[in-house]
Amino acid sequence: MKFDYKTILVTGGAGAIGTNLVNYLVNLESVKKVIILDNFISGDILNLNDSSKITLVKGDITNEIDLKRVFNYKPELVYHLAAFFANQNSVDYPEKDLEV
């Protein structure tokens, strides 16, 4: 896949699926930068490859200030992988799940 030297935002980029996507993207020559927004409730920075292409922002997808921080990097493509962790949480807190 060719990304034409784009800056890419991955929400939930330190999670199980997000880390695989981020690690794939940073290995592509056609990707300029990968911005990660993650709150690290279920994600782990140790799962990410060490790359100068990664900019990590610890924050929450539901926080307007955190969103403004990552969009200041002017991403041209967004992969929204942030999720409310665990199915039971979605059942117990449906409004929060919808917000995320």
Protein backbone atom coordinates (compact mmCIF):
# COMPACT_ATOMS: atom_id res chain seq x y z
CA MET A 1 0.00 0.00 0.00
CA LYS A 2 1.28 3.46 -0.87
CA PHE A 3 0.67 6.35 1.53
CA ASP A 4 2.39 9.18 -0.40
CA TYR A 5 4.46 10.29 2.58
CA LYS A 6 1.41 11.02 4.75
CA THR A 7 1.10 11.70 8.46
CA ILE A 8 -1.22 9.11 10.00
CA LEU A 9 -3.10 9.21 13.31
CA VAL A 10 -3.88 5.91 15.05
CA THR A 11 -6.22 6.18 18.03
CA GLY A 12 -5.72 3.22 20.33
CA GLY A 13 -2.31 2.76 18.72
CA ALA A 14 -0.80 1.03 21.77
CA GLY A 15 -3.55 -1.60 21.97
CA ALA A 16 -3.55 -5.14 20.62
CA ILE A 17 -4.67 -4.26 17.10
CA GLY A 18 -3.23 -0.74 17.09
CA THR A 19 0.35 -1.83 17.78
CA ASN A 20 0.27 -4.23 14.86
CA LEU A 21 -0.97 -1.49 12.54
CA VAL A 22 1.54 1.08 13.85
CA ASN A 23 4.46 -1.35 13.58
CA TYR A 24 3.43 -2.13 9.99
CA LEU A 25 3.06 1.55 9.06
CA VAL A 26 6.41 2.71 10.45
CA ASN A 27 8.18 0.09 8.35
CA LEU A 28 6.78 1.56 5.14
CA GLU A 29 8.96 4.10 3.35
CA SER A 30 5.83 5.84 2.05
CA VAL A 31 4.68 6.84 5.57
CA LYS A 32 6.02 10.13 6.91
CA LYS A 33 4.88 10.01 10.55
CA VAL A 34 2.55 8.01 12.79
CA ILE A 35 0.83 9.83 15.63
CA ILE A 36 -0.55 7.59 18.39
CA LEU A 37 -3.27 8.67 20.80
CA ASP A 38 -3.76 6.16 23.60
CA ASN A 39 -4.77 6.29 27.27
CA PHE A 40 -2.81 3.11 28.11
CA ILE A 41 -5.64 1.52 30.08
CA SER A 42 -5.20 -1.64 28.03
CA GLY A 43 -2.35 -0.67 25.68
CA ASP A 44 1.36 -1.13 26.28
CA ILE A 45 4.17 1.00 24.86
CA LEU A 46 6.48 -2.04 24.97
CA ASN A 47 4.53 -3.55 22.05
CA LEU A 48 5.60 -0.71 19.74
CA ASN A 49 8.70 -0.76 17.57
CA ASP A 50 11.22 1.95 18.37
CA SER A 51 10.95 4.39 15.49
CA SER A 52 11.64 8.07 14.91
CA LYS A 53 8.44 8.12 12.84
CA ILE A 54 6.29 7.63 15.98
CA THR A 55 4.92 10.50 18.03
CA LEU A 56 3.15 9.21 21.12
CA VAL A 57 0.45 11.24 22.85
CA LYS A 58 -0.89 9.88 26.12
CA GLY A 59 -4.49 10.98 26.23
CA ASP A 60 -8.11 10.05 25.81
CA ILE A 61 -10.19 10.00 22.64
CA THR A 62 -13.10 11.52 24.59
CA ASN A 63 -11.05 14.51 25.78
CA GLU A 64 -11.33 17.54 23.50
CA ILE A 65 -7.93 18.93 24.54
CA ASP A 66 -6.21 15.63 23.74
CA LEU A 67 -7.90 15.52 20.34
CA LYS A 68 -6.76 19.07 19.58
CA ARG A 69 -3.20 18.07 20.53
CA VAL A 70 -3.07 15.22 18.03
CA PHE A 71 -4.85 17.11 15.27
CA ASN A 72 -2.27 19.90 15.60
CA TYR A 73 0.06 17.42 13.85
CA LYS A 74 -2.31 17.69 10.86
CA PRO A 75 -2.85 13.98 10.14
CA GLU A 76 -4.02 13.23 6.64
CA LEU A 77 -5.37 9.79 7.50
CA VAL A 78 -6.96 8.49 10.71
CA TYR A 79 -7.35 4.91 11.89
CA HIS A 80 -9.81 4.95 14.80
CA LEU A 81 -8.99 1.87 16.87
CA ALA A 82 -9.64 3.28 20.32
CA ALA A 83 -12.22 1.18 22.14
CA PHE A 84 -13.79 0.87 25.55
CA PHE A 85 -11.90 -2.13 26.93
CA ALA A 86 -13.76 -5.41 27.65
CA ASN A 87 -17.22 -6.39 26.48
CA GLN A 88 -18.70 -6.28 29.97
CA ASN A 89 -17.70 -2.63 30.29
CA SER A 90 -19.70 -1.91 27.15
CA VAL A 91 -22.75 -3.56 28.69
CA ASP A 92 -22.31 -1.90 32.09
CA TYR A 93 -21.48 1.57 30.70
CA PRO A 94 -23.18 1.89 27.30
CA GLU A 95 -22.98 5.70 27.18
CA LYS A 96 -19.22 5.69 27.75
CA ASP A 97 -18.85 2.96 25.16
CA LEU A 98 -20.78 5.05 22.63
CA GLU A 99 -18.69 8.13 23.47
CA VAL A 100 -15.45 6.28 22.70
